[in-house]
């Protein structure tokens, strides 16, 4: 994988931190079109479940974000969940989604 630009590497770092802090299965971070960042971990409650990326998108939308510039997911599973991809694509059809492992190594970048 090619090296990420600094702003995209920051998303991976935020996603890793969110995952580690909450000891969640996944961590995610997004950057909106105004440059603000949002990070979240997996939500696994009896009454509802969200992937980390769904939770980050929800935080951004509820804060008034109008678009997503880029997203990152950190997981040991090595795959992007379909629900996570759909959460981003609902708002930004062409935003890259970076998938990284817990060490921060980029496994792939999904773009439309």
PDB file of N, CA and C in Angstrom:
ATOM      1  N   UNK A   1       0.836  -1.182   0.000  1.00  0.00           N
ATOM      2  CA  UNK A   1       0.000   0.000   0.000  1.00  0.00           C
ATOM      3  C   UNK A   1       0.880   1.245   0.000  1.00  0.00           C
ATOM      4  N   UNK A   2       0.511   2.243  -0.757  1.00  0.00           N
ATOM      5  CA  UNK A   2       1.259   3.504  -0.728  1.00  0.00           C
ATOM      6  C   UNK A   2       1.060   4.220   0.613  1.00  0.00           C
ATOM      7  N   UNK A   3       2.001   5.089   0.922  1.00  0.00           N
ATOM      8  CA  UNK A   3       1.875   5.885   2.142  1.00  0.00           C
ATOM      9  C   UNK A   3       0.666   6.802   2.032  1.00  0.00           C
ATOM     10  N   UNK A   4       0.018   6.992   3.166  1.00  0.00           N
ATOM     11  CA  UNK A   4      -1.139   7.886   3.211  1.00  0.00           C
ATOM     12  C   UNK A   4      -0.670   9.323   3.386  1.00  0.00           C
ATOM     13  N   UNK A   5      -1.486  10.254   2.912  1.00  0.00           N
ATOM     14  CA  UNK A   5      -1.235  11.660   3.192  1.00  0.00           C
ATOM     15  C   UNK A   5      -1.409  11.877   4.693  1.00  0.00           C
ATOM     16  N   UNK A   6      -0.843  12.927   5.210  1.00  0.00           N
ATOM     17  CA  UNK A   6      -0.851  13.187   6.654  1.00  0.00           C
ATOM     18  C   UNK A   6      -2.262  13.225   7.238  1.00  0.00           C
ATOM     19  N   UNK A   7      -3.181  13.876   6.543  1.00  0.00           N
ATOM     20  CA  UNK A   7      -4.555  13.980   7.063  1.00  0.00           C
ATOM     21  C   UNK A   7      -5.250  12.617   7.104  1.00  0.00           C
ATOM     22  N   UNK A   8      -4.951  11.742   6.146  1.00  0.00           N
ATOM     23  CA  UNK A   8      -5.536  10.400   6.153  1.00  0.00           C
ATOM     24  C   UNK A   8      -4.874   9.523   7.212  1.00  0.00           C
ATOM     25  N   UNK A   9      -3.574   9.710   7.413  1.00  0.00           N
ATOM     26  CA  UNK A   9      -2.881   8.968   8.474  1.00  0.00           C
ATOM     27  C   UNK A   9      -3.443   9.369   9.836  1.00  0.00           C
ATOM     28  N   UNK A  10      -3.802  10.631   9.986  1.00  0.00           N
ATOM     29  CA  UNK A  10      -4.415  11.102  11.232  1.00  0.00           C
ATOM     30  C   UNK A  10      -5.712  10.340  11.502  1.00  0.00           C
ATOM     31  N   UNK A  11      -6.498  10.066  10.465  1.00  0.00           N
ATOM     32  CA  UNK A  11      -7.735   9.303  10.647  1.00  0.00           C
ATOM     33  C   UNK A  11      -7.442   7.899  11.158  1.00  0.00           C
ATOM     34  N   UNK A  12      -6.421   7.269  10.608  1.00  0.00           N
ATOM     35  CA  UNK A  12      -6.048   5.923  11.079  1.00  0.00           C
ATOM     36  C   UNK A  12      -5.623   5.983  12.544  1.00  0.00           C
ATOM     37  N   UNK A  13      -4.847   6.990  12.896  1.00  0.00           N
ATOM     38  CA  UNK A  13      -4.406   7.147  14.288  1.00  0.00           C
ATOM     39  C   UNK A  13      -5.595   7.363  15.222  1.00  0.00           C
ATOM     40  N   UNK A  14      -6.535   8.210  14.822  1.00  0.00           N
ATOM     41  CA  UNK A  14      -7.734   8.436  15.648  1.00  0.00           C
ATOM     42  C   UNK A  14      -8.564   7.166  15.778  1.00  0.00           C
ATOM     43  N   UNK A  15      -8.693   6.404  14.703  1.00  0.00           N
ATOM     44  CA  UNK A  15      -9.448   5.152  14.740  1.00  0.00           C
ATOM     45  C   UNK A  15      -8.768   4.134  15.660  1.00  0.00           C
ATOM     46  N   UNK A  16      -7.459   4.047  15.577  1.00  0.00           N
ATOM     47  CA  UNK A  16      -6.714   3.138  16.462  1.00  0.00           C
ATOM     48  C   UNK A  16      -6.907   3.536  17.922  1.00  0.00           C
ATOM     49  N   UNK A  17      -6.828   4.825  18.194  1.00  0.00           N
ATOM     50  CA  UNK A  17      -6.984   5.312  19.569  1.00  0.00           C
ATOM     51  C   UNK A  17      -8.379   5.032  20.104  1.00  0.00           C
ATOM     52  N   UNK A  18      -9.377   5.246  19.288  1.00  0.00           N
ATOM     53  CA  UNK A  18     -10.754   4.998  19.707  1.00  0.00           C
ATOM     54  C   UNK A  18     -10.961   3.520  20.022  1.00  0.00           C
ATOM     55  N   UNK A  19     -10.449   2.660  19.168  1.00  0.00           N
ATOM     56  CA  UNK A  19     -10.565   1.208  19.385  1.00  0.00           C
ATOM     57  C   UNK A  19      -9.868   0.799  20.677  1.00  0.00           C
ATOM     58  N   UNK A  20      -8.654   1.288  20.879  1.00  0.00           N
ATOM     59  CA  UNK A  20      -7.885   0.931  22.067  1.00  0.00           C
ATOM     60  C   UNK A  20      -8.529   1.472  23.345  1.00  0.00           C
ATOM     61  N   UNK A  21      -9.001   2.709  23.297  1.00  0.00           N
ATOM     62  CA  UNK A  21      -9.579   3.352  24.478  1.00  0.00           C
ATOM     63  C   UNK A  21     -10.813   2.609  24.975  1.00  0.00           C
ATOM     64  N   UNK A  22     -11.640   2.169  24.043  1.00  0.00           N
ATOM     65  CA  UNK A  22     -12.889   1.509  24.423  1.00  0.00           C
ATOM     66  C   UNK A  22     -12.795  -0.011  24.391  1.00  0.00           C
ATOM     67  N   UNK A  23     -11.643  -0.522  23.959  1.00  0.00           N
ATOM     68  CA  UNK A  23     -11.437  -1.967  23.794  1.00  0.00           C
ATOM     69  C   UNK A  23     -12.538  -2.572  22.931  1.00  0.00           C
ATOM     70  N   UNK A  24     -12.889  -1.864  21.871  1.00  0.00           N
ATOM     71  CA  UNK A  24     -13.947  -2.287  20.959  1.00  0.00           C
ATOM     72  C   UNK A  24     -13.377  -3.159  19.847  1.00  0.00           C
ATOM     73  N   UNK A  25     -14.261  -3.835  19.147  1.00  0.00           N
ATOM     74  CA  UNK A  25     -13.851  -4.670  18.020  1.00  0.00           C
ATOM     75  C   UNK A  25     -13.281  -3.823  16.887  1.00  0.00           C
ATOM     76  N   UNK A  26     -13.843  -2.635  16.706  1.00  0.00           N
ATOM     77  CA  UNK A  26     -13.408  -1.728  15.648  1.00  0.00           C
ATOM     78  C   UNK A  26     -13.277  -0.314  16.193  1.00  0.00           C
ATOM     79  N   UNK A  27     -12.457   0.453  15.537  1.00  0.00           N
ATOM     80  CA  UNK A  27     -12.400   1.886  15.758  1.00  0.00           C
ATOM     81  C   UNK A  27     -12.524   2.549  14.405  1.00  0.00           C
ATOM     82  N   UNK A  28     -13.116   3.714  14.359  1.00  0.00           N
ATOM     83  CA  UNK A  28     -13.278   4.417  13.088  1.00  0.00           C
ATOM     84  C   UNK A  28     -13.133   5.914  13.297  1.00  0.00           C
ATOM     85  N   UNK A  29     -12.793   6.584  12.217  1.00  0.00           N
ATOM     86  CA  UNK A  29     -12.722   8.047  12.236  1.00  0.00           C
ATOM     87  C   UNK A  29     -13.083   8.549  10.854  1.00  0.00           C
ATOM     88  N   UNK A  30     -13.706   9.711  10.826  1.00  0.00           N
ATOM     89  CA  UNK A  30     -14.027  10.346   9.552  1.00  0.00           C
ATOM     90  C   UNK A  30     -13.626  11.815   9.602  1.00  0.00           C
ATOM     91  N   UNK A  31     -13.408  12.371   8.424  1.00  0.00           N
ATOM     92  CA  UNK A  31     -13.147  13.808   8.281  1.00  0.00           C
ATOM     93  C   UNK A  31     -14.260  14.344   7.398  1.00  0.00           C
ATOM     94  N   UNK A  32     -14.938  15.364   7.897  1.00  0.00           N
ATOM     95  CA  UNK A  32     -16.026  15.929   7.104  1.00  0.00           C
ATOM     96  C   UNK A  32     -15.472  16.948   6.112  1.00  0.00           C
ATOM     97  N   UNK A  33     -16.333  17.476   5.287  1.00  0.00           N
ATOM     98  CA  UNK A  33     -15.900  18.396   4.236  1.00  0.00           C
ATOM     99  C   UNK A  33     -15.462  19.763   4.778  1.00  0.00           C
ATOM    100  N   UNK A  34     -15.676  20.003   6.070  1.00  0.00           N
ATOM    101  CA  UNK A  34     -15.170  21.219   6.713  1.00  0.00           C
ATOM    102  C   UNK A  34     -13.855  20.978   7.433  1.00  0.00           C
ATOM    103  N   UNK A  35     -13.338  19.722   7.381  1.00  0.00           N
ATOM    104  CA  UNK A  35     -12.076  19.385   8.021  1.00  0.00           C
ATOM    105  C   UNK A  35     -12.191  18.908   9.456  1.00  0.00           C
ATOM    106  N   UNK A  36     -13.405  18.850   9.985  1.00  0.00           N
ATOM    107  CA  UNK A  36     -13.591  18.353  11.357  1.00  0.00           C
ATOM    108  C   UNK A  36     -13.506  16.826  11.355  1.00  0.00           C
ATOM    109  N   UNK A  37     -13.011  16.271  12.472  1.00  0.00           N
ATOM    110  CA  UNK A  37     -12.898  14.817  12.578  1.00  0.00           C
ATOM    111  C   UNK A  37     -13.807  14.293  13.684  1.00  0.00           C
ATOM    112  N   UNK A  38     -14.240  13.071  13.486  1.00  0.00           N
ATOM    113  CA  UNK A  38     -15.118  12.370  14.426  1.00  0.00           C
ATOM    114  C   UNK A  38     -14.587  10.946  14.554  1.00  0.00           C
ATOM    115  N   UNK A  39     -14.513  10.442  15.775  1.00  0.00           N
ATOM    116  CA  UNK A  39     -14.027   9.083  16.002  1.00  0.00           C
ATOM    117  C   UNK A  39     -15.017   8.340  16.883  1.00  0.00           C
ATOM    118  N   UNK A  40     -15.072   7.032  16.700  1.00  0.00           N
ATOM    119  CA  UNK A  40     -15.990   6.206  17.486  1.00  0.00           C
ATOM    120  C   UNK A  40     -15.511   4.762  17.479  1.00  0.00           C
ATOM    121  N   UNK A  41     -16.017   4.020  18.442  1.00  0.00           N
ATOM    122  CA  UNK A  41     -15.773   2.582  18.497  1.00  0.00           C
ATOM    123  C   UNK A  41     -17.072   1.844  18.257  1.00  0.00           C
ATOM    124  N   UNK A  42     -16.975   0.551  18.140  1.00  0.00           N
ATOM    125  CA  UNK A  42     -18.147  -0.297  17.969  1.00  0.00           C
ATOM    126  C   UNK A  42     -19.106  -0.091  19.134  1.00  0.00           C
ATOM    127  N   UNK A  43     -20.397  -0.039  18.846  1.00  0.00           N
ATOM    128  CA  UNK A  43     -21.435   0.053  19.874  1.00  0.00           C
ATOM    129  C   UNK A  43     -22.179  -1.284  19.865  1.00  0.00           C
ATOM    130  N   UNK A  44     -22.139  -1.978  20.986  1.00  0.00           N
ATOM    131  CA  UNK A  44     -22.781  -3.293  21.074  1.00  0.00           C
ATOM    132  C   UNK A  44     -23.607  -3.337  22.357  1.00  0.00           C
ATOM    133  N   UNK A  45     -24.815  -2.790  22.258  1.00  0.00           N
ATOM    134  CA  UNK A  45     -25.737  -2.726  23.391  1.00  0.00           C
ATOM    135  C   UNK A  45     -26.893  -3.692  23.158  1.00  0.00           C
ATOM    136  N   UNK A  46     -27.578  -4.090  24.213  1.00  0.00           N
ATOM    137  CA  UNK A  46     -28.712  -5.002  24.025  1.00  0.00           C
ATOM    138  C   UNK A  46     -29.791  -4.445  23.095  1.00  0.00           C
ATOM    139  N   UNK A  47     -30.014  -3.133  23.138  1.00  0.00           N
ATOM    140  CA  UNK A  47     -31.102  -2.559  22.348  1.00  0.00           C
ATOM    141  C   UNK A  47     -30.680  -2.094  20.950  1.00  0.00           C
ATOM    142  N   UNK A  48     -29.377  -1.913  20.704  1.00  0.00           N
ATOM    143  CA  UNK A  48     -28.921  -1.525  19.360  1.00  0.00           C
ATOM    144  C   UNK A  48     -27.441  -1.804  19.191  1.00  0.00           C
ATOM    145  N   UNK A  49     -27.051  -1.978  17.933  1.00  0.00           N
ATOM    146  CA  UNK A  49     -25.663  -2.237  17.582  1.00  0.00           C
ATOM    147  C   UNK A  49     -25.276  -1.350  16.407  1.00  0.00           C
ATOM    148  N   UNK A  50     -24.064  -0.798  16.469  1.00  0.00           N
ATOM    149  CA  UNK A  50     -23.527   0.014  15.380  1.00  0.00           C
ATOM    150  C   UNK A  50     -22.086  -0.393  15.128  1.00  0.00           C
ATOM    151  N   UNK A  51     -21.702  -0.443  13.871  1.00  0.00           N
ATOM    152  CA  UNK A  51     -20.285  -0.586  13.592  1.00  0.00           C
ATOM    153  C   UNK A  51     -19.622   0.724  14.007  1.00  0.00           C
ATOM    154  N   UNK A  52     -18.317   0.689  14.160  1.00  0.00           N
ATOM    155  CA  UNK A  52     -17.606   1.903  14.541  1.00  0.00           C
ATOM    156  C   UNK A  52     -17.807   3.009  13.508  1.00  0.00           C
ATOM    157  N   UNK A  53     -17.807   2.631  12.234  1.00  0.00           N
ATOM    158  CA  UNK A  53     -17.983   3.645  11.194  1.00  0.00           C
ATOM    159  C   UNK A  53     -19.403   4.201  11.191  1.00  0.00           C
ATOM    160  N   UNK A  54     -20.396   3.375  11.443  1.00  0.00           N
ATOM    161  CA  UNK A  54     -21.764   3.886  11.571  1.00  0.00           C
ATOM    162  C   UNK A  54     -21.845   4.887  12.718  1.00  0.00           C
ATOM    163  N   UNK A  55     -21.191   4.568  13.841  1.00  0.00           N
ATOM    164  CA  UNK A  55     -21.220   5.460  15.002  1.00  0.00           C
ATOM    165  C   UNK A  55     -20.517   6.785  14.690  1.00  0.00           C
ATOM    166  N   UNK A  56     -19.394   6.733  13.972  1.00  0.00           N
ATOM    167  CA  UNK A  56     -18.682   7.958  13.611  1.00  0.00           C
ATOM    168  C   UNK A  56     -19.509   8.809  12.638  1.00  0.00           C
ATOM    169  N   UNK A  57     -20.155   8.154  11.682  1.00  0.00           N
ATOM    170  CA  UNK A  57     -21.015   8.884  10.745  1.00  0.00           C
ATOM    171  C   UNK A  57     -22.184   9.511  11.493  1.00  0.00           C
ATOM    172  N   UNK A  58     -22.777   8.773  12.422  1.00  0.00           N
ATOM    173  CA  UNK A  58     -23.887   9.313  13.214  1.00  0.00           C
ATOM    174  C   UNK A  58     -23.437  10.543  14.004  1.00  0.00           C
ATOM    175  N   UNK A  59     -22.248  10.486  14.583  1.00  0.00           N
ATOM    176  CA  UNK A  59     -21.727  11.639  15.336  1.00  0.00           C
ATOM    177  C   UNK A  59     -21.543  12.843  14.410  1.00  0.00           C
ATOM    178  N   UNK A  60     -21.032  12.595  13.225  1.00  0.00           N
ATOM    179  CA  UNK A  60     -20.813  13.690  12.278  1.00  0.00           C
ATOM    180  C   UNK A  60     -22.136  14.298  11.821  1.00  0.00           C
ATOM    181  N   UNK A  61     -23.068  13.459  11.442  1.00  0.00           N
ATOM    182  CA  UNK A  61     -24.362  13.952  10.952  1.00  0.00           C
ATOM    183  C   UNK A  61     -25.100  14.705  12.056  1.00  0.00           C
ATOM    184  N   UNK A  62     -25.047  14.178  13.275  1.00  0.00           N
ATOM    185  CA  UNK A  62     -25.748  14.846  14.370  1.00  0.00           C
ATOM    186  C   UNK A  62     -25.073  16.154  14.773  1.00  0.00           C
ATOM    187  N   UNK A  63     -23.834  16.336  14.326  1.00  0.00           N
ATOM    188  CA  UNK A  63     -23.121  17.595  14.577  1.00  0.00           C
ATOM    189  C   UNK A  63     -23.249  18.572  13.420  1.00  0.00           C
ATOM    190  N   UNK A  64     -24.002  18.182  12.390  1.00  0.00           N
ATOM    191  CA  UNK A  64     -24.250  19.083  11.276  1.00  0.00           C
ATOM    192  C   UNK A  64     -23.351  18.914  10.065  1.00  0.00           C
ATOM    193  N   UNK A  65     -22.541  17.856  10.036  1.00  0.00           N
ATOM    194  CA  UNK A  65     -21.676  17.637   8.867  1.00  0.00           C
ATOM    195  C   UNK A  65     -22.529  17.435   7.622  1.00  0.00           C
ATOM    196  N   UNK A  66     -22.126  18.079   6.555  1.00  0.00           N
ATOM    197  CA  UNK A  66     -22.877  17.978   5.302  1.00  0.00           C
ATOM    198  C   UNK A  66     -22.251  17.008   4.316  1.00  0.00           C
ATOM    199  N   UNK A  67     -21.031  16.576   4.591  1.00  0.00           N
ATOM    200  CA  UNK A  67     -20.367  15.634   3.696  1.00  0.00           C
ATOM    201  C   UNK A  67     -19.191  14.984   4.385  1.00  0.00           C
ATOM    202  N   UNK A  68     -18.694  13.928   3.788  1.00  0.00           N
ATOM    203  CA  UNK A  68     -17.534  13.207   4.315  1.00  0.00           C
ATOM    204  C   UNK A  68     -16.440  13.246   3.255  1.00  0.00           C
ATOM    205  N   UNK A  69     -15.260  13.630   3.679  1.00  0.00           N
ATOM    206  CA  UNK A  69     -14.114  13.695   2.778  1.00  0.00           C
ATOM    207  C   UNK A  69     -13.358  12.373   2.747  1.00  0.00           C
ATOM    208  N   UNK A  70     -13.214  11.710   3.915  1.00  0.00           N
ATOM    209  CA  UNK A  70     -12.500  10.434   4.002  1.00  0.00           C
ATOM    210  C   UNK A  70     -12.874   9.745   5.304  1.00  0.00           C
ATOM    211  N   UNK A  71     -12.666   8.422   5.332  1.00  0.00           N
ATOM    212  CA  UNK A  71     -12.982   7.626   6.514  1.00  0.00           C
ATOM    213  C   UNK A  71     -11.908   6.560   6.706  1.00  0.00           C
ATOM    214  N   UNK A  72     -11.767   6.101   7.939  1.00  0.00           N
ATOM    215  CA  UNK A  72     -10.830   5.019   8.240  1.00  0.00           C
ATOM    216  C   UNK A  72     -11.462   4.078   9.261  1.00  0.00           C
ATOM    217  N   UNK A  73     -11.183   2.802   9.091  1.00  0.00           N
ATOM    218  CA  UNK A  73     -11.634   1.768  10.025  1.00  0.00           C
ATOM    219  C   UNK A  73     -10.421   0.941  10.417  1.00  0.00           C
ATOM    220  N   UNK A  74     -10.285   0.684  11.718  1.00  0.00           N
ATOM    221  CA  UNK A  74      -9.234  -0.191  12.223  1.00  0.00           C
ATOM    222  C   UNK A  74      -9.905  -1.390  12.861  1.00  0.00           C
ATOM    223  N   UNK A  75      -9.528  -2.571  12.391  1.00  0.00           N
ATOM    224  CA  UNK A  75     -10.107  -3.806  12.903  1.00  0.00           C
ATOM    225  C   UNK A  75      -9.127  -4.955  12.737  1.00  0.00           C
ATOM    226  N   UNK A  76      -9.210  -5.917  13.623  1.00  0.00           N
ATOM    227  CA  UNK A  76      -8.389  -7.114  13.507  1.00  0.00           C
ATOM    228  C   UNK A  76      -8.983  -8.091  12.500  1.00  0.00           C
ATOM    229  N   UNK A  77     -10.246  -7.898  12.130  1.00  0.00           N
ATOM    230  CA  UNK A  77     -10.929  -8.800  11.207  1.00  0.00           C
ATOM    231  C   UNK A  77     -10.406  -8.703   9.778  1.00  0.00           C
ATOM    232  N   UNK A  78      -9.852  -7.564   9.412  1.00  0.00           N
ATOM    233  CA  UNK A  78      -9.305  -7.402   8.078  1.00  0.00           C
ATOM    234  C   UNK A  78     -10.328  -7.202   6.979  1.00  0.00           C
ATOM    235  N   UNK A  79     -11.557  -6.832   7.355  1.00  0.00           N
ATOM    236  CA  UNK A  79     -12.565  -6.581   6.332  1.00  0.00           C
ATOM    237  C   UNK A  79     -13.479  -5.452   6.736  1.00  0.00           C
ATOM    238  N   UNK A  80     -14.020  -4.798   5.713  1.00  0.00           N
ATOM    239  CA  UNK A  80     -14.986  -3.722   5.929  1.00  0.00           C
ATOM    240  C   UNK A  80     -16.382  -4.311   5.922  1.00  0.00           C
ATOM    241  N   UNK A  81     -17.143  -4.011   6.933  1.00  0.00           N
ATOM    242  CA  UNK A  81     -18.520  -4.488   6.979  1.00  0.00           C
ATOM    243  C   UNK A  81     -19.362  -3.683   5.996  1.00  0.00           C
ATOM    244  N   UNK A  82     -20.282  -4.361   5.347  1.00  0.00           N
ATOM    245  CA  UNK A  82     -21.133  -3.726   4.354  1.00  0.00           C
ATOM    246  C   UNK A  82     -21.906  -2.547   4.945  1.00  0.00           C
ATOM    247  N   UNK A  83     -22.389  -2.711   6.179  1.00  0.00           N
ATOM    248  CA  UNK A  83     -23.141  -1.634   6.825  1.00  0.00           C
ATOM    249  C   UNK A  83     -22.273  -0.386   7.004  1.00  0.00           C
ATOM    250  N   UNK A  84     -20.986  -0.579   7.260  1.00  0.00           N
ATOM    251  CA  UNK A  84     -20.070   0.554   7.406  1.00  0.00           C
ATOM    252  C   UNK A  84     -19.912   1.298   6.091  1.00  0.00           C
ATOM    253  N   UNK A  85     -19.724   0.545   5.025  1.00  0.00           N
ATOM    254  CA  UNK A  85     -19.567   1.156   3.704  1.00  0.00           C
ATOM    255  C   UNK A  85     -20.834   1.927   3.335  1.00  0.00           C
ATOM    256  N   UNK A  86     -21.992   1.332   3.569  1.00  0.00           N
ATOM    257  CA  UNK A  86     -23.254   2.000   3.244  1.00  0.00           C
ATOM    258  C   UNK A  86     -23.430   3.293   4.032  1.00  0.00           C
ATOM    259  N   UNK A  87     -23.009   3.310   5.297  1.00  0.00           N
ATOM    260  CA  UNK A  87     -23.146   4.517   6.123  1.00  0.00           C
ATOM    261  C   UNK A  87     -22.393   5.687   5.499  1.00  0.00           C
ATOM    262  N   UNK A  88     -21.196   5.418   4.992  1.00  0.00           N
ATOM    263  CA  UNK A  88     -20.417   6.470   4.338  1.00  0.00           C
ATOM    264  C   UNK A  88     -21.023   6.824   2.987  1.00  0.00           C
ATOM    265  N   UNK A  89     -21.376   5.820   2.205  1.00  0.00           N
ATOM    266  CA  UNK A  89     -21.888   6.060   0.847  1.00  0.00           C
ATOM    267  C   UNK A  89     -23.228   6.793   0.847  1.00  0.00           C
ATOM    268  N   UNK A  90     -23.995   6.696   1.937  1.00  0.00           N
ATOM    269  CA  UNK A  90     -25.239   7.462   2.032  1.00  0.00           C
ATOM    270  C   UNK A  90     -24.972   8.964   1.964  1.00  0.00           C
ATOM    271  N   UNK A  91     -23.788   9.369   2.404  1.00  0.00           N
ATOM    272  CA  UNK A  91     -23.451  10.787   2.494  1.00  0.00           C
ATOM    273  C   UNK A  91     -22.430  11.209   1.440  1.00  0.00           C
ATOM    274  N   UNK A  92     -21.503  10.317   1.127  1.00  0.00           N
ATOM    275  CA  UNK A  92     -20.410  10.659   0.207  1.00  0.00           C
ATOM    276  C   UNK A  92     -20.101   9.475  -0.700  1.00  0.00           C
ATOM    277  N   UNK A  93     -20.584   9.551  -1.913  1.00  0.00           N
ATOM    278  CA  UNK A  93     -20.438   8.429  -2.847  1.00  0.00           C
ATOM    279  C   UNK A  93     -18.989   8.124  -3.205  1.00  0.00           C
ATOM    280  N   UNK A  94     -18.113   9.124  -3.139  1.00  0.00           N
ATOM    281  CA  UNK A  94     -16.744   8.917  -3.603  1.00  0.00           C
ATOM    282  C   UNK A  94     -15.675   9.018  -2.524  1.00  0.00           C
ATOM    283  N   UNK A  95     -16.045   9.147  -1.282  1.00  0.00           N
ATOM    284  CA  UNK A  95     -15.049   9.281  -0.217  1.00  0.00           C
ATOM    285  C   UNK A  95     -14.260   7.991  -0.053  1.00  0.00           C
ATOM    286  N   UNK A  96     -12.942   8.084   0.030  1.00  0.00           N
ATOM    287  CA  UNK A  96     -12.154   6.873   0.274  1.00  0.00           C
ATOM    288  C   UNK A  96     -12.390   6.355   1.689  1.00  0.00           C
ATOM    289  N   UNK A  97     -12.419   5.024   1.814  1.00  0.00           N
ATOM    290  CA  UNK A  97     -12.531   4.375   3.118  1.00  0.00           C
ATOM    291  C   UNK A  97     -11.272   3.537   3.296  1.00  0.00           C
ATOM    292  N   UNK A  98     -10.498   3.886   4.287  1.00  0.00           N
ATOM    293  CA  UNK A  98      -9.222   3.233   4.550  1.00  0.00           C
ATOM    294  C   UNK A  98      -9.452   2.112   5.557  1.00  0.00           C
ATOM    295  N   UNK A  99      -8.972   0.932   5.250  1.00  0.00           N
ATOM    296  CA  UNK A  99      -9.039  -0.201   6.173  1.00  0.00           C
ATOM    297  C   UNK A  99      -7.634  -0.483   6.673  1.00  0.00           C
ATOM    298  N   UNK A 100      -7.473  -0.509   7.988  1.00  0.00           N
ATOM    299  CA  UNK A 100      -6.158  -0.765   8.580  1.00  0.00           C
ATOM    300  C   UNK A 100      -6.278  -1.806   9.685  1.00  0.00           C
ATOM    301  N   UNK A 101      -5.166  -2.468   9.954  1.00  0.00           N
ATOM    302  CA  UNK A 101      -5.146  -3.427  11.055  1.00  0.00           C
ATOM    303  C   UNK A 101      -4.804  -2.689  12.351  1.00  0.00           C
ATOM    304  N   UNK A 102      -4.868  -3.378  13.499  1.00  0.00           N
ATOM    305  CA  UNK A 102      -4.628  -2.693  14.781  1.00  0.00           C
ATOM    306  C   UNK A 102      -3.262  -2.017  14.917  1.00  0.00           C
ATOM    307  N   UNK A 103      -2.279  -2.447  14.136  1.00  0.00           N
ATOM    308  CA  UNK A 103      -0.965  -1.798  14.199  1.00  0.00           C
ATOM    309  C   UNK A 103      -0.927  -0.512  13.372  1.00  0.00           C
ATOM    310  N   UNK A 104      -1.990  -0.280  12.593  1.00  0.00           N
ATOM    311  CA  UNK A 104      -2.055   0.905  11.746  1.00  0.00           C
ATOM    312  C   UNK A 104      -1.640   0.644  10.310  1.00  0.00           C
ATOM    313  N   UNK A 105      -1.269  -0.590  10.002  1.00  0.00           N
ATOM    314  CA  UNK A 105      -0.891  -0.922   8.623  1.00  0.00           C
ATOM    315  C   UNK A 105      -2.130  -0.887   7.734  1.00  0.00           C
ATOM    316  N   UNK A 106      -2.044  -0.153   6.659  1.00  0.00           N
ATOM    317  CA  UNK A 106      -3.163  -0.037   5.726  1.00  0.00           C
ATOM    318  C   UNK A 106      -3.270  -1.318   4.916  1.00  0.00           C
ATOM    319  N   UNK A 107      -4.467  -1.914   4.959  1.00  0.00           N
ATOM    320  CA  UNK A 107      -4.720  -3.147   4.224  1.00  0.00           C
ATOM    321  C   UNK A 107      -5.289  -2.861   2.843  1.00  0.00           C
ATOM    322  N   UNK A 108      -6.171  -1.860   2.765  1.00  0.00           N
ATOM    323  CA  UNK A 108      -6.706  -1.447   1.476  1.00  0.00           C
ATOM    324  C   UNK A 108      -7.405  -0.115   1.619  1.00  0.00           C
ATOM    325  N   UNK A 109      -7.624   0.528   0.494  1.00  0.00           N
ATOM    326  CA  UNK A 109      -8.378   1.768   0.427  1.00  0.00           C
ATOM    327  C   UNK A 109      -9.510   1.535  -0.569  1.00  0.00           C
ATOM    328  N   UNK A 110     -10.721   1.626  -0.077  1.00  0.00           N
ATOM    329  CA  UNK A 110     -11.892   1.436  -0.916  1.00  0.00           C
ATOM    330  C   UNK A 110     -12.332   2.789  -1.436  1.00  0.00           C
ATOM    331  N   UNK A 111     -12.382   2.909  -2.742  1.00  0.00           N
ATOM    332  CA  UNK A 111     -12.900   4.137  -3.336  1.00  0.00           C
ATOM    333  C   UNK A 111     -13.898   3.737  -4.392  1.00  0.00           C
ATOM    334  N   UNK A 112     -14.766   4.636  -4.699  1.00  0.00           N
ATOM    335  CA  UNK A 112     -15.834   4.333  -5.643  1.00  0.00           C
ATOM    336  C   UNK A 112     -15.378   4.502  -7.044  1.00  0.00           C
TER     337      UNK A 112
END
